[in-house]
Amino acid sequence: SFEAAEVAEVAEMTARLREDIAGLIPAVEALTRALPKDDVPRACAL
């Protein structure tokens, strides 16, 4: 479904997602610290 004109848009979205992922990593990691070591949601998040 992506045409040649939209390839640049895909590149932009990928770059944006890289930044978003890089920003979410420390945020999610901080939330896992508050959970017990044997917590299943913590293990999934890690």
ModelCIF file with pLDDT and N, C-alpha, C, O atoms, coordinates in Angstrom:
data_MODEL
#
_entry.id   MODEL 
#
_entity.id                         1 
_entity.type                       polymer 
_entity.pdbx_number_of_molecules   1 
#
_entity_poly.entity_id                      1 
_entity_poly.type                           'polypeptide(L)' 
_entity_poly.nstd_linkage                   no 
_entity_poly.nstd_monomer                   no 
_entity_poly.pdbx_seq_one_letter_code       SFEAAEVAEVAEMTARLREDIAGLIPAVEALTRALPKDDVPRACAL 
_entity_poly.pdbx_seq_one_letter_code_can   SFEAAEVAEVAEMTARLREDIAGLIPAVEALTRALPKDDVPRACAL 
_entity_poly.pdbx_strand_id                 A 
#
loop_
_entity_poly_seq.entity_id 
_entity_poly_seq.num 
_entity_poly_seq.mon_id 
_entity_poly_seq.hetero 
1 1  SER n 
1 2  PHE n 
1 3  GLU n 
1 4  ALA n 
1 5  ALA n 
1 6  GLU n 
1 7  VAL n 
1 8  ALA n 
1 9  GLU n 
1 10 VAL n 
1 11 ALA n 
1 12 GLU n 
1 13 MET n 
1 14 THR n 
1 15 ALA n 
1 16 ARG n 
1 17 LEU n 
1 18 ARG n 
1 19 GLU n 
1 20 ASP n 
1 21 ILE n 
1 22 ALA n 
1 23 GLY n 
1 24 LEU n 
1 25 ILE n 
1 26 PRO n 
1 27 ALA n 
1 28 VAL n 
1 29 GLU n 
1 30 ALA n 
1 31 LEU n 
1 32 THR n 
1 33 ARG n 
1 34 ALA n 
1 35 LEU n 
1 36 PRO n 
1 37 LYS n 
1 38 ASP n 
1 39 ASP n 
1 40 VAL n 
1 41 PRO n 
1 42 ARG n 
1 43 ALA n 
1 44 CYS n 
1 45 ALA n 
1 46 LEU n 
#
_struct_asym.id          A 
_struct_asym.entity_id   1 
#
loop_
_ma_qa_metric.id 
_ma_qa_metric.mode 
_ma_qa_metric.name 
_ma_qa_metric.software_group_id 
_ma_qa_metric.type 
1 global pLDDT . pLDDT 
2 local  pLDDT . pLDDT 
#
_ma_qa_metric_global.metric_id      1 
_ma_qa_metric_global.metric_value   89.98 
_ma_qa_metric_global.model_id       1 
_ma_qa_metric_global.ordinal_id     1 
#
loop_
_ma_qa_metric_local.label_asym_id 
_ma_qa_metric_local.label_comp_id 
_ma_qa_metric_local.label_seq_id 
_ma_qa_metric_local.metric_id 
_ma_qa_metric_local.metric_value 
_ma_qa_metric_local.model_id 
_ma_qa_metric_local.ordinal_id 
A SER 1  2 67.00 1 1  
A PHE 2  2 66.00 1 2  
A GLU 3  2 66.00 1 3  
A ALA 4  2 59.00 1 4  
A ALA 5  2 58.00 1 5  
A GLU 6  2 79.00 1 6  
A VAL 7  2 79.00 1 7  
A ALA 8  2 82.00 1 8  
A GLU 9  2 86.00 1 9  
A VAL 10 2 88.00 1 10 
A ALA 11 2 89.00 1 11 
A GLU 12 2 92.00 1 12 
A MET 13 2 91.00 1 13 
A THR 14 2 92.00 1 14 
A ALA 15 2 94.00 1 15 
A ARG 16 2 94.00 1 16 
A LEU 17 2 95.00 1 17 
A ARG 18 2 96.00 1 18 
A GLU 19 2 95.00 1 19 
A ASP 20 2 96.00 1 20 
A ILE 21 2 97.00 1 21 
A ALA 22 2 96.00 1 22 
A GLY 23 2 95.00 1 23 
A LEU 24 2 96.00 1 24 
A ILE 25 2 97.00 1 25 
A PRO 26 2 96.00 1 26 
A ALA 27 2 95.00 1 27 
A VAL 28 2 96.00 1 28 
A GLU 29 2 96.00 1 29 
A ALA 30 2 95.00 1 30 
A LEU 31 2 95.00 1 31 
A THR 32 2 96.00 1 32 
A ARG 33 2 94.00 1 33 
A ALA 34 2 91.00 1 34 
A LEU 35 2 94.00 1 35 
A PRO 36 2 94.00 1 36 
A LYS 37 2 93.00 1 37 
A ASP 38 2 94.00 1 38 
A ASP 39 2 94.00 1 39 
A VAL 40 2 95.00 1 40 
A PRO 41 2 95.00 1 41 
A ARG 42 2 95.00 1 42 
A ALA 43 2 96.00 1 43 
A CYS 44 2 96.00 1 44 
A ALA 45 2 97.00 1 45 
A LEU 46 2 97.00 1 46 
#
loop_
_atom_site.group_PDB 
_atom_site.id 
_atom_site.type_symbol 
_atom_site.label_atom_id 
_atom_site.label_alt_id 
_atom_site.label_comp_id 
_atom_site.label_asym_id 
_atom_site.label_entity_id 
_atom_site.label_seq_id 
_atom_site.pdbx_PDB_ins_code 
_atom_site.Cartn_x 
_atom_site.Cartn_y 
_atom_site.Cartn_z 
_atom_site.occupancy 
_atom_site.B_iso_or_equiv 
_atom_site.pdbx_formal_charge 
_atom_site.auth_seq_id 
_atom_site.auth_comp_id 
_atom_site.auth_asym_id 
_atom_site.auth_atom_id 
_atom_site.pdbx_PDB_model_num 
ATOM 1   N N  . SER A 1 1  ? 0.803  -1.222  0.000  1.00 67.00 ? 1  SER A N  1 
ATOM 2   C CA . SER A 1 1  ? 0.000  0.000   0.000  1.00 67.00 ? 1  SER A CA 1 
ATOM 3   C C  . SER A 1 1  ? 0.839  1.276   0.000  1.00 67.00 ? 1  SER A C  1 
ATOM 4   O O  . SER A 1 1  ? 0.326  2.346   -0.327 1.00 67.00 ? 1  SER A O  1 
ATOM 5   N N  . PHE A 1 2  ? 2.110  1.181   0.358  1.00 66.00 ? 2  PHE A N  1 
ATOM 6   C CA . PHE A 1 2  ? 2.952  2.365   0.377  1.00 66.00 ? 2  PHE A CA 1 
ATOM 7   C C  . PHE A 1 2  ? 3.529  2.612   -1.002 1.00 66.00 ? 2  PHE A C  1 
ATOM 8   O O  . PHE A 1 2  ? 4.149  1.732   -1.599 1.00 66.00 ? 2  PHE A O  1 
ATOM 9   N N  . GLU A 1 3  ? 3.321  3.807   -1.496 1.00 66.00 ? 3  GLU A N  1 
ATOM 10  C CA . GLU A 1 3  ? 3.865  4.198   -2.793 1.00 66.00 ? 3  GLU A CA 1 
ATOM 11  C C  . GLU A 1 3  ? 5.199  4.897   -2.572 1.00 66.00 ? 3  GLU A C  1 
ATOM 12  O O  . GLU A 1 3  ? 5.574  5.193   -1.437 1.00 66.00 ? 3  GLU A O  1 
ATOM 13  N N  . ALA A 1 4  ? 5.898  5.151   -3.640 1.00 59.00 ? 4  ALA A N  1 
ATOM 14  C CA . ALA A 1 4  ? 7.227  5.758   -3.554 1.00 59.00 ? 4  ALA A CA 1 
ATOM 15  C C  . ALA A 1 4  ? 7.203  7.084   -2.794 1.00 59.00 ? 4  ALA A C  1 
ATOM 16  O O  . ALA A 1 4  ? 8.139  7.386   -2.053 1.00 59.00 ? 4  ALA A O  1 
ATOM 17  N N  . ALA A 1 5  ? 6.156  7.870   -2.968 1.00 58.00 ? 5  ALA A N  1 
ATOM 18  C CA . ALA A 1 5  ? 6.067  9.167   -2.289 1.00 58.00 ? 5  ALA A CA 1 
ATOM 19  C C  . ALA A 1 5  ? 5.944  8.997   -0.775 1.00 58.00 ? 5  ALA A C  1 
ATOM 20  O O  . ALA A 1 5  ? 6.344  9.876   -0.012 1.00 58.00 ? 5  ALA A O  1 
ATOM 21  N N  . GLU A 1 6  ? 5.397  7.878   -0.352 1.00 79.00 ? 6  GLU A N  1 
ATOM 22  C CA . GLU A 1 6  ? 5.192  7.655   1.076  1.00 79.00 ? 6  GLU A CA 1 
ATOM 23  C C  . GLU A 1 6  ? 6.398  7.037   1.773  1.00 79.00 ? 6  GLU A C  1 
ATOM 24  O O  . GLU A 1 6  ? 6.413  6.934   3.000  1.00 79.00 ? 6  GLU A O  1 
ATOM 25  N N  . VAL A 1 7  ? 7.398  6.628   1.018  1.00 79.00 ? 7  VAL A N  1 
ATOM 26  C CA . VAL A 1 7  ? 8.588  6.031   1.603  1.00 79.00 ? 7  VAL A CA 1 
ATOM 27  C C  . VAL A 1 7  ? 9.275  7.026   2.532  1.00 79.00 ? 7  VAL A C  1 
ATOM 28  O O  . VAL A 1 7  ? 9.766  6.646   3.595  1.00 79.00 ? 7  VAL A O  1 
ATOM 29  N N  . ALA A 1 8  ? 9.313  8.283   2.142  1.00 82.00 ? 8  ALA A N  1 
ATOM 30  C CA . ALA A 1 8  ? 9.901  9.323   2.996  1.00 82.00 ? 8  ALA A CA 1 
ATOM 31  C C  . ALA A 1 8  ? 9.108  9.454   4.292  1.00 82.00 ? 8  ALA A C  1 
ATOM 32  O O  . ALA A 1 8  ? 9.682  9.667   5.360  1.00 82.00 ? 8  ALA A O  1 
ATOM 33  N N  . GLU A 1 9  ? 7.783  9.327   4.192  1.00 86.00 ? 9  GLU A N  1 
ATOM 34  C CA . GLU A 1 9  ? 6.941  9.385   5.392  1.00 86.00 ? 9  GLU A CA 1 
ATOM 35  C C  . GLU A 1 9  ? 7.237  8.210   6.317  1.00 86.00 ? 9  GLU A C  1 
ATOM 36  O O  . GLU A 1 9  ? 7.261  8.373   7.537  1.00 86.00 ? 9  GLU A O  1 
ATOM 37  N N  . VAL A 1 10 ? 7.463  7.033   5.751  1.00 88.00 ? 10 VAL A N  1 
ATOM 38  C CA . VAL A 1 10 ? 7.816  5.857   6.555  1.00 88.00 ? 10 VAL A CA 1 
ATOM 39  C C  . VAL A 1 10 ? 9.131  6.114   7.278  1.00 88.00 ? 10 VAL A C  1 
ATOM 40  O O  . VAL A 1 10 ? 9.268  5.778   8.454  1.00 88.00 ? 10 VAL A O  1 
ATOM 41  N N  . ALA A 1 11 ? 10.091 6.703   6.588  1.00 89.00 ? 11 ALA A N  1 
ATOM 42  C CA . ALA A 1 11 ? 11.381 7.021   7.212  1.00 89.00 ? 11 ALA A CA 1 
ATOM 43  C C  . ALA A 1 11 ? 11.201 8.003   8.365  1.00 89.00 ? 11 ALA A C  1 
ATOM 44  O O  . ALA A 1 11 ? 11.829 7.856   9.414  1.00 89.00 ? 11 ALA A O  1 
ATOM 45  N N  . GLU A 1 12 ? 10.346 9.001   8.172  1.00 92.00 ? 12 GLU A N  1 
ATOM 46  C CA . GLU A 1 12 ? 10.059 9.968   9.252  1.00 92.00 ? 12 GLU A CA 1 
ATOM 47  C C  . GLU A 1 12 ? 9.398  9.294   10.443 1.00 92.00 ? 12 GLU A C  1 
ATOM 48  O O  . GLU A 1 12 ? 9.773  9.533   11.591 1.00 92.00 ? 12 GLU A O  1 
ATOM 49  N N  . MET A 1 13 ? 8.409  8.449   10.161 1.00 91.00 ? 13 MET A N  1 
ATOM 50  C CA . MET A 1 13 ? 7.711  7.753   11.248 1.00 91.00 ? 13 MET A CA 1 
ATOM 51  C C  . MET A 1 13 ? 8.657  6.814   11.988 1.00 91.00 ? 13 MET A C  1 
ATOM 52  O O  . MET A 1 13 ? 8.581  6.693   13.211 1.00 91.00 ? 13 MET A O  1 
ATOM 53  N N  . THR A 1 14 ? 9.545  6.154   11.259 1.00 92.00 ? 14 THR A N  1 
ATOM 54  C CA . THR A 1 14 ? 10.510 5.266   11.897 1.00 92.00 ? 14 THR A CA 1 
ATOM 55  C C  . THR A 1 14 ? 11.431 6.052   12.810 1.00 92.00 ? 14 THR A C  1 
ATOM 56  O O  . THR A 1 14 ? 11.702 5.631   13.935 1.00 92.00 ? 14 THR A O  1 
ATOM 57  N N  . ALA A 1 15 ? 11.912 7.190   12.336 1.00 94.00 ? 15 ALA A N  1 
ATOM 58  C CA . ALA A 1 15 ? 12.783 8.033   13.156 1.00 94.00 ? 15 ALA A CA 1 
ATOM 59  C C  . ALA A 1 15 ? 12.047 8.517   14.406 1.00 94.00 ? 15 ALA A C  1 
ATOM 60  O O  . ALA A 1 15 ? 12.612 8.542   15.499 1.00 94.00 ? 15 ALA A O  1 
ATOM 61  N N  . ARG A 1 16 ? 10.781 8.901   14.234 1.00 94.00 ? 16 ARG A N  1 
ATOM 62  C CA . ARG A 1 16 ? 9.972  9.346   15.377 1.00 94.00 ? 16 ARG A CA 1 
ATOM 63  C C  . ARG A 1 16 ? 9.781  8.205   16.373 1.00 94.00 ? 16 ARG A C  1 
ATOM 64  O O  . ARG A 1 16 ? 9.877  8.407   17.583 1.00 94.00 ? 16 ARG A O  1 
ATOM 65  N N  . LEU A 1 17 ? 9.508  7.000   15.854 1.00 95.00 ? 17 LEU A N  1 
ATOM 66  C CA . LEU A 1 17 ? 9.322  5.851   16.738 1.00 95.00 ? 17 LEU A CA 1 
ATOM 67  C C  . LEU A 1 17 ? 10.612 5.500   17.467 1.00 95.00 ? 17 LEU A C  1 
ATOM 68  O O  . LEU A 1 17 ? 10.571 5.094   18.628 1.00 95.00 ? 17 LEU A O  1 
ATOM 69  N N  . ARG A 1 18 ? 11.743 5.647   16.811 1.00 96.00 ? 18 ARG A N  1 
ATOM 70  C CA . ARG A 1 18 ? 13.020 5.409   17.499 1.00 96.00 ? 18 ARG A CA 1 
ATOM 71  C C  . ARG A 1 18 ? 13.158 6.345   18.693 1.00 96.00 ? 18 ARG A C  1 
ATOM 72  O O  . ARG A 1 18 ? 13.563 5.929   19.779 1.00 96.00 ? 18 ARG A O  1 
ATOM 73  N N  . GLU A 1 19 ? 12.820 7.607   18.481 1.00 95.00 ? 19 GLU A N  1 
ATOM 74  C CA . GLU A 1 19 ? 12.888 8.582   19.576 1.00 95.00 ? 19 GLU A CA 1 
ATOM 75  C C  . GLU A 1 19 ? 11.889 8.233   20.680 1.00 95.00 ? 19 GLU A C  1 
ATOM 76  O O  . GLU A 1 19 ? 12.207 8.312   21.866 1.00 95.00 ? 19 GLU A O  1 
ATOM 77  N N  . ASP A 1 20 ? 10.685 7.848   20.276 1.00 96.00 ? 20 ASP A N  1 
ATOM 78  C CA . ASP A 1 20 ? 9.657  7.486   21.253 1.00 96.00 ? 20 ASP A CA 1 
ATOM 79  C C  . ASP A 1 20 ? 10.084 6.272   22.074 1.00 96.00 ? 20 ASP A C  1 
ATOM 80  O O  . ASP A 1 20 ? 9.917  6.249   23.294 1.00 96.00 ? 20 ASP A O  1 
ATOM 81  N N  . ILE A 1 21 ? 10.628 5.277   21.406 1.00 97.00 ? 21 ILE A N  1 
ATOM 82  C CA . ILE A 1 21 ? 11.098 4.069   22.104 1.00 97.00 ? 21 ILE A CA 1 
ATOM 83  C C  . ILE A 1 21 ? 12.220 4.433   23.063 1.00 97.00 ? 21 ILE A C  1 
ATOM 84  O O  . ILE A 1 21 ? 12.241 3.974   24.205 1.00 97.00 ? 21 ILE A O  1 
ATOM 85  N N  . ALA A 1 22 ? 13.153 5.257   22.599 1.00 96.00 ? 22 ALA A N  1 
ATOM 86  C CA . ALA A 1 22 ? 14.259 5.689   23.454 1.00 96.00 ? 22 ALA A CA 1 
ATOM 87  C C  . ALA A 1 22 ? 13.747 6.458   24.674 1.00 96.00 ? 22 ALA A C  1 
ATOM 88  O O  . ALA A 1 22 ? 14.352 6.380   25.743 1.00 96.00 ? 22 ALA A O  1 
ATOM 89  N N  . GLY A 1 23 ? 12.655 7.191   24.534 1.00 95.00 ? 23 GLY A N  1 
ATOM 90  C CA . GLY A 1 23 ? 12.078 7.910   25.663 1.00 95.00 ? 23 GLY A CA 1 
ATOM 91  C C  . GLY A 1 23 ? 11.261 7.014   26.588 1.00 95.00 ? 23 GLY A C  1 
ATOM 92  O O  . GLY A 1 23 ? 11.201 7.247   27.795 1.00 95.00 ? 23 GLY A O  1 
ATOM 93  N N  . LEU A 1 24 ? 10.638 5.999   26.021 1.00 96.00 ? 24 LEU A N  1 
ATOM 94  C CA . LEU A 1 24 ? 9.820  5.091   26.830 1.00 96.00 ? 24 LEU A CA 1 
ATOM 95  C C  . LEU A 1 24 ? 10.661 4.089   27.625 1.00 96.00 ? 24 LEU A C  1 
ATOM 96  O O  . LEU A 1 24 ? 10.246 3.644   28.695 1.00 96.00 ? 24 LEU A O  1 
ATOM 97  N N  . ILE A 1 25 ? 11.830 3.737   27.111 1.00 97.00 ? 25 ILE A N  1 
ATOM 98  C CA . ILE A 1 25 ? 12.664 2.748   27.806 1.00 97.00 ? 25 ILE A CA 1 
ATOM 99  C C  . ILE A 1 25 ? 12.948 3.162   29.252 1.00 97.00 ? 25 ILE A C  1 
ATOM 100 O O  . ILE A 1 25 ? 12.660 2.384   30.161 1.00 97.00 ? 25 ILE A O  1 
ATOM 101 N N  . PRO A 1 26 ? 13.499 4.349   29.501 1.00 96.00 ? 26 PRO A N  1 
ATOM 102 C CA . PRO A 1 26 ? 13.774 4.704   30.903 1.00 96.00 ? 26 PRO A CA 1 
ATOM 103 C C  . PRO A 1 26 ? 12.495 4.886   31.730 1.00 96.00 ? 26 PRO A C  1 
ATOM 104 O O  . PRO A 1 26 ? 12.497 4.629   32.934 1.00 96.00 ? 26 PRO A O  1 
ATOM 105 N N  . ALA A 1 27 ? 11.409 5.324   31.094 1.00 95.00 ? 27 ALA A N  1 
ATOM 106 C CA . ALA A 1 27 ? 10.153 5.513   31.825 1.00 95.00 ? 27 ALA A CA 1 
ATOM 107 C C  . ALA A 1 27 ? 9.588  4.174   32.294 1.00 95.00 ? 27 ALA A C  1 
ATOM 108 O O  . ALA A 1 27 ? 9.173  4.040   33.446 1.00 95.00 ? 27 ALA A O  1 
ATOM 109 N N  . VAL A 1 28 ? 9.572  3.191   31.407 1.00 96.00 ? 28 VAL A N  1 
ATOM 110 C CA . VAL A 1 28 ? 9.060  1.863   31.778 1.00 96.00 ? 28 VAL A CA 1 
ATOM 111 C C  . VAL A 1 28 ? 10.002 1.214   32.780 1.00 96.00 ? 28 VAL A C  1 
ATOM 112 O O  . VAL A 1 28 ? 9.560  0.577   33.736 1.00 96.00 ? 28 VAL A O  1 
ATOM 113 N N  . GLU A 1 29 ? 11.285 1.376   32.561 1.00 96.00 ? 29 GLU A N  1 
ATOM 114 C CA . GLU A 1 29 ? 12.272 0.802   33.482 1.00 96.00 ? 29 GLU A CA 1 
ATOM 115 C C  . GLU A 1 29 ? 12.084 1.360   34.896 1.00 96.00 ? 29 GLU A C  1 
ATOM 116 O O  . GLU A 1 29 ? 12.185 0.623   35.877 1.00 96.00 ? 29 GLU A O  1 
ATOM 117 N N  . ALA A 1 30 ? 11.815 2.647   34.992 1.00 95.00 ? 30 ALA A N  1 
ATOM 118 C CA . ALA A 1 30 ? 11.590 3.264   36.306 1.00 95.00 ? 30 ALA A CA 1 
ATOM 119 C C  . ALA A 1 30 ? 10.350 2.681   36.975 1.00 95.00 ? 30 ALA A C  1 
ATOM 120 O O  . ALA A 1 30 ? 10.335 2.473   38.188 1.00 95.00 ? 30 ALA A O  1 
ATOM 121 N N  . LEU A 1 31 ? 9.316  2.418   36.190 1.00 95.00 ? 31 LEU A N  1 
ATOM 122 C CA . LEU A 1 31 ? 8.096  1.838   36.752 1.00 95.00 ? 31 LEU A CA 1 
ATOM 123 C C  . LEU A 1 31 ? 8.320  0.408   37.236 1.00 95.00 ? 31 LEU A C  1 
ATOM 124 O O  . LEU A 1 31 ? 7.674  -0.027  38.189 1.00 95.00 ? 31 LEU A O  1 
ATOM 125 N N  . THR A 1 32 ? 9.219  -0.319  36.598 1.00 96.00 ? 32 THR A N  1 
ATOM 126 C CA . THR A 1 32 ? 9.473  -1.706  37.021 1.00 96.00 ? 32 THR A CA 1 
ATOM 127 C C  . THR A 1 32 ? 10.212 -1.763  38.350 1.00 96.00 ? 32 THR A C  1 
ATOM 128 O O  . THR A 1 32 ? 10.098 -2.751  39.075 1.00 96.00 ? 32 THR A O  1 
ATOM 129 N N  . ARG A 1 33 ? 10.959 -0.729  38.677 1.00 94.00 ? 33 ARG A N  1 
ATOM 130 C CA . ARG A 1 33 ? 11.726 -0.726  39.926 1.00 94.00 ? 33 ARG A CA 1 
ATOM 131 C C  . ARG A 1 33 ? 10.834 -0.750  41.161 1.00 94.00 ? 33 ARG A C  1 
ATOM 132 O O  . ARG A 1 33 ? 11.250 -1.212  42.223 1.00 94.00 ? 33 ARG A O  1 
ATOM 133 N N  . ALA A 1 34 ? 9.625  -0.257  41.024 1.00 91.00 ? 34 ALA A N  1 
ATOM 134 C CA . ALA A 1 34 ? 8.706  -0.211  42.157 1.00 91.00 ? 34 ALA A CA 1 
ATOM 135 C C  . ALA A 1 34 ? 8.020  -1.553  42.412 1.00 91.00 ? 34 ALA A C  1 
ATOM 136 O O  . ALA A 1 34 ? 7.333  -1.719  43.420 1.00 91.00 ? 34 ALA A O  1 
ATOM 137 N N  . LEU A 1 35 ? 8.203  -2.494  41.515 1.00 94.00 ? 35 LEU A N  1 
ATOM 138 C CA . LEU A 1 35 ? 7.521  -3.787  41.617 1.00 94.00 ? 35 LEU A CA 1 
ATOM 139 C C  . LEU A 1 35 ? 8.434  -4.837  42.229 1.00 94.00 ? 35 LEU A C  1 
ATOM 140 O O  . LEU A 1 35 ? 9.657  -4.745  42.121 1.00 94.00 ? 35 LEU A O  1 
ATOM 141 N N  . PRO A 1 36 ? 7.829  -5.848  42.882 1.00 94.00 ? 36 PRO A N  1 
ATOM 142 C CA . PRO A 1 36 ? 8.633  -6.937  43.451 1.00 94.00 ? 36 PRO A CA 1 
ATOM 143 C C  . PRO A 1 36 ? 9.386  -7.686  42.354 1.00 94.00 ? 36 PRO A C  1 
ATOM 144 O O  . PRO A 1 36 ? 8.943  -7.730  41.206 1.00 94.00 ? 36 PRO A O  1 
ATOM 145 N N  . LYS A 1 37 ? 10.509 -8.267  42.709 1.00 93.00 ? 37 LYS A N  1 
ATOM 146 C CA . LYS A 1 37 ? 11.363 -8.975  41.741 1.00 93.00 ? 37 LYS A CA 1 
ATOM 147 C C  . LYS A 1 37 ? 10.643 -10.134 41.062 1.00 93.00 ? 37 LYS A C  1 
ATOM 148 O O  . LYS A 1 37 ? 10.933 -10.439 39.905 1.00 93.00 ? 37 LYS A O  1 
ATOM 149 N N  . ASP A 1 38 ? 9.714  -10.785 41.751 1.00 94.00 ? 38 ASP A N  1 
ATOM 150 C CA . ASP A 1 38 ? 9.026  -11.952 41.184 1.00 94.00 ? 38 ASP A CA 1 
ATOM 151 C C  . ASP A 1 38 ? 7.679  -11.595 40.547 1.00 94.00 ? 38 ASP A C  1 
ATOM 152 O O  . ASP A 1 38 ? 6.882  -12.487 40.258 1.00 94.00 ? 38 ASP A O  1 
ATOM 153 N N  . ASP A 1 39 ? 7.420  -10.332 40.329 1.00 94.00 ? 39 ASP A N  1 
ATOM 154 C CA . ASP A 1 39 ? 6.162  -9.877  39.744 1.00 94.00 ? 39 ASP A CA 1 
ATOM 155 C C  . ASP A 1 39 ? 6.123  -10.205 38.246 1.00 94.00 ? 39 ASP A C  1 
ATOM 156 O O  . ASP A 1 39 ? 7.063  -9.884  37.519 1.00 94.00 ? 39 ASP A O  1 
ATOM 157 N N  . VAL A 1 40 ? 5.049  -10.837 37.788 1.00 95.00 ? 40 VAL A N  1 
ATOM 158 C CA . VAL A 1 40 ? 4.934  -11.238 36.387 1.00 95.00 ? 40 VAL A CA 1 
ATOM 159 C C  . VAL A 1 40 ? 4.869  -10.030 35.451 1.00 95.00 ? 40 VAL A C  1 
ATOM 160 O O  . VAL A 1 40 ? 5.588  -10.026 34.452 1.00 95.00 ? 40 VAL A O  1 
ATOM 161 N N  . PRO A 1 41 ? 4.053  -9.007  35.712 1.00 95.00 ? 41 PRO A N  1 
ATOM 162 C CA . PRO A 1 41 ? 4.061  -7.832  34.827 1.00 95.00 ? 41 PRO A CA 1 
ATOM 163 C C  . PRO A 1 41 ? 5.439  -7.176  34.732 1.00 95.00 ? 41 PRO A C  1 
ATOM 164 O O  . PRO A 1 41 ? 5.811  -6.650  33.683 1.00 95.00 ? 41 PRO A O  1 
ATOM 165 N N  . ARG A 1 42 ? 6.192  -7.210  35.834 1.00 95.00 ? 42 ARG A N  1 
ATOM 166 C CA . ARG A 1 42 ? 7.548  -6.655  35.823 1.00 95.00 ? 42 ARG A CA 1 
ATOM 167 C C  . ARG A 1 42 ? 8.433  -7.464  34.876 1.00 95.00 ? 42 ARG A C  1 
ATOM 168 O O  . ARG A 1 42 ? 9.178  -6.892  34.080 1.00 95.00 ? 42 ARG A O  1 
ATOM 169 N N  . ALA A 1 43 ? 8.352  -8.773  34.960 1.00 96.00 ? 43 ALA A N  1 
ATOM 170 C CA . ALA A 1 43 ? 9.156  -9.639  34.088 1.00 96.00 ? 43 ALA A CA 1 
ATOM 171 C C  . ALA A 1 43 ? 8.795  -9.414  32.617 1.00 96.00 ? 43 ALA A C  1 
ATOM 172 O O  . ALA A 1 43 ? 9.675  -9.366  31.758 1.00 96.00 ? 43 ALA A O  1 
ATOM 173 N N  . CYS A 1 44 ? 7.514  -9.278  32.340 1.00 96.00 ? 44 CYS A N  1 
ATOM 174 C CA . CYS A 1 44 ? 7.074  -9.024  30.957 1.00 96.00 ? 44 CYS A CA 1 
ATOM 175 C C  . CYS A 1 44 ? 7.604  -7.690  30.455 1.00 96.00 ? 44 CYS A C  1 
ATOM 176 O O  . CYS A 1 44 ? 8.068  -7.583  29.319 1.00 96.00 ? 44 CYS A O  1 
ATOM 177 N N  . ALA A 1 45 ? 7.534  -6.676  31.306 1.00 97.00 ? 45 ALA A N  1 
ATOM 178 C CA . ALA A 1 45 ? 8.022  -5.353  30.915 1.00 97.00 ? 45 ALA A CA 1 
ATOM 179 C C  . ALA A 1 45 ? 9.529  -5.379  30.686 1.00 97.00 ? 45 ALA A C  1 
ATOM 180 O O  . ALA A 1 45 ? 10.020 -4.752  29.747 1.00 97.00 ? 45 ALA A O  1 
ATOM 181 N N  . LEU A 1 46 ? 10.267 -6.093  31.529 1.00 97.00 ? 46 LEU A N  1 
ATOM 182 C CA . LEU A 1 46 ? 11.715 -6.184  31.361 1.00 97.00 ? 46 LEU A CA 1 
ATOM 183 C C  . LEU A 1 46 ? 12.078 -6.904  30.061 1.00 97.00 ? 46 LEU A C  1 
ATOM 184 O O  . LEU A 1 46 ? 13.259 -7.071  29.756 1.00 97.00 ? 46 LEU A O  1 
#
